[in-house]
Amino acid sequence: MKKALGAVGILFGLYLIVRALLEPFVIDMTDPATYQQDWGGPSLAGVLLVHCGPGVAAAVLIGLALRRWRRRRARRSAVTG
């Protein structure tokens, strides 16, 4: 169950990361009319924070998890090796 939940979390995190990467290309940042009604609007900074912020947070959390996993794996191989 724990592995399944981790896999779902990683997939959702990857979705948020891809969404964060694509958001600046989806909206026309030079025309406020294209993002005024979006979540976080009417300012561009608010829209980018709401749409890209979760992707940045997911990237950081996935990076920390990978680092922790690598350290545990290295520690295990050092003990058995």
Protein backbone atom coordinates (compact mmCIF):
# COMPACT_ATOMS: atom_id res chain seq x y z
CA MET A 1 0.00 0.00 0.00
CA LYS A 2 2.84 2.39 0.86
CA LYS A 3 4.54 1.79 -2.51
CA ALA A 4 1.28 2.35 -4.39
CA LEU A 5 0.66 5.61 -2.55
CA GLY A 6 4.23 6.71 -3.29
CA ALA A 7 3.80 5.91 -6.98
CA VAL A 8 0.57 7.90 -7.15
CA GLY A 9 2.27 10.80 -5.37
CA ILE A 10 5.19 10.76 -7.79
CA LEU A 11 2.88 10.64 -10.81
CA PHE A 12 0.83 13.55 -9.46
CA GLY A 13 4.04 15.46 -8.72
CA LEU A 14 5.30 14.89 -12.26
CA TYR A 15 1.98 16.17 -13.61
CA LEU A 16 2.36 19.35 -11.53
CA ILE A 17 5.94 19.81 -12.74
CA VAL A 18 4.96 19.47 -16.41
CA ARG A 19 2.04 21.83 -15.87
CA ALA A 20 4.38 24.38 -14.27
CA LEU A 21 6.79 24.13 -17.18
CA LEU A 22 4.05 24.59 -19.79
CA GLU A 23 2.04 27.36 -18.10
CA PRO A 24 4.19 30.29 -19.31
CA PHE A 25 3.75 29.04 -22.89
CA VAL A 26 0.00 28.50 -22.57
CA ILE A 27 -0.85 32.04 -21.51
CA ASP A 28 0.11 35.19 -23.39
CA MET A 29 2.14 36.99 -20.72
CA THR A 30 2.07 40.26 -22.69
CA ASP A 31 -1.76 40.38 -22.79
CA PRO A 32 -3.41 40.59 -19.34
CA ALA A 33 -6.80 39.74 -20.85
CA THR A 34 -5.65 36.14 -21.35
CA TYR A 35 -4.97 35.48 -17.65
CA GLN A 36 -7.10 38.04 -15.75
CA GLN A 37 -9.87 35.55 -14.99
CA ASP A 38 -7.53 32.67 -14.11
CA TRP A 39 -6.91 31.58 -10.52
CA GLY A 40 -4.47 34.00 -8.97
CA GLY A 41 -5.41 36.77 -11.38
CA PRO A 42 -5.61 39.54 -12.33
CA SER A 43 -1.83 39.91 -11.82
CA LEU A 44 0.67 37.83 -13.77
CA ALA A 45 2.67 37.11 -10.61
CA GLY A 46 -0.40 35.69 -8.88
CA VAL A 47 -1.32 33.50 -11.85
CA LEU A 48 2.21 32.12 -12.13
CA LEU A 49 2.39 31.53 -8.38
CA VAL A 50 -0.88 29.60 -8.33
CA HIS A 51 -0.18 27.60 -11.48
CA CYS A 52 3.59 27.07 -11.19
CA GLY A 53 4.08 27.07 -7.41
CA PRO A 54 2.78 23.54 -6.82
CA GLY A 55 5.08 22.24 -9.57
CA VAL A 56 8.10 23.88 -7.95
CA ALA A 57 7.10 22.45 -4.56
CA ALA A 58 6.62 19.00 -6.11
CA ALA A 59 10.06 19.17 -7.75
CA VAL A 60 11.69 20.05 -4.43
CA LEU A 61 9.85 17.28 -2.55
CA ILE A 62 10.63 14.65 -5.19
CA GLY A 63 14.27 15.75 -5.20
CA LEU A 64 14.48 15.44 -1.41
CA ALA A 65 12.84 12.01 -1.53
CA LEU A 66 15.28 10.82 -4.20
CA ARG A 67 18.21 12.09 -2.19
CA ARG A 68 16.97 10.29 0.94
CA TRP A 69 16.40 7.09 -1.06
CA ARG A 70 19.94 7.21 -2.53
CA ARG A 71 21.48 7.76 0.89
CA ARG A 72 19.61 4.79 2.37
CA ARG A 73 20.61 2.63 -0.57
CA ALA A 74 24.28 3.65 -0.28
CA ARG A 75 24.23 3.01 3.46
CA ARG A 76 22.74 -0.46 2.94
CA SER A 77 25.32 -1.40 0.32
CA ALA A 78 28.15 -0.15 2.54
CA VAL A 79 26.93 -2.32 5.41
CA THR A 80 26.50 -5.47 3.30
CA GLY A 81 29.50 -4.82 1.03
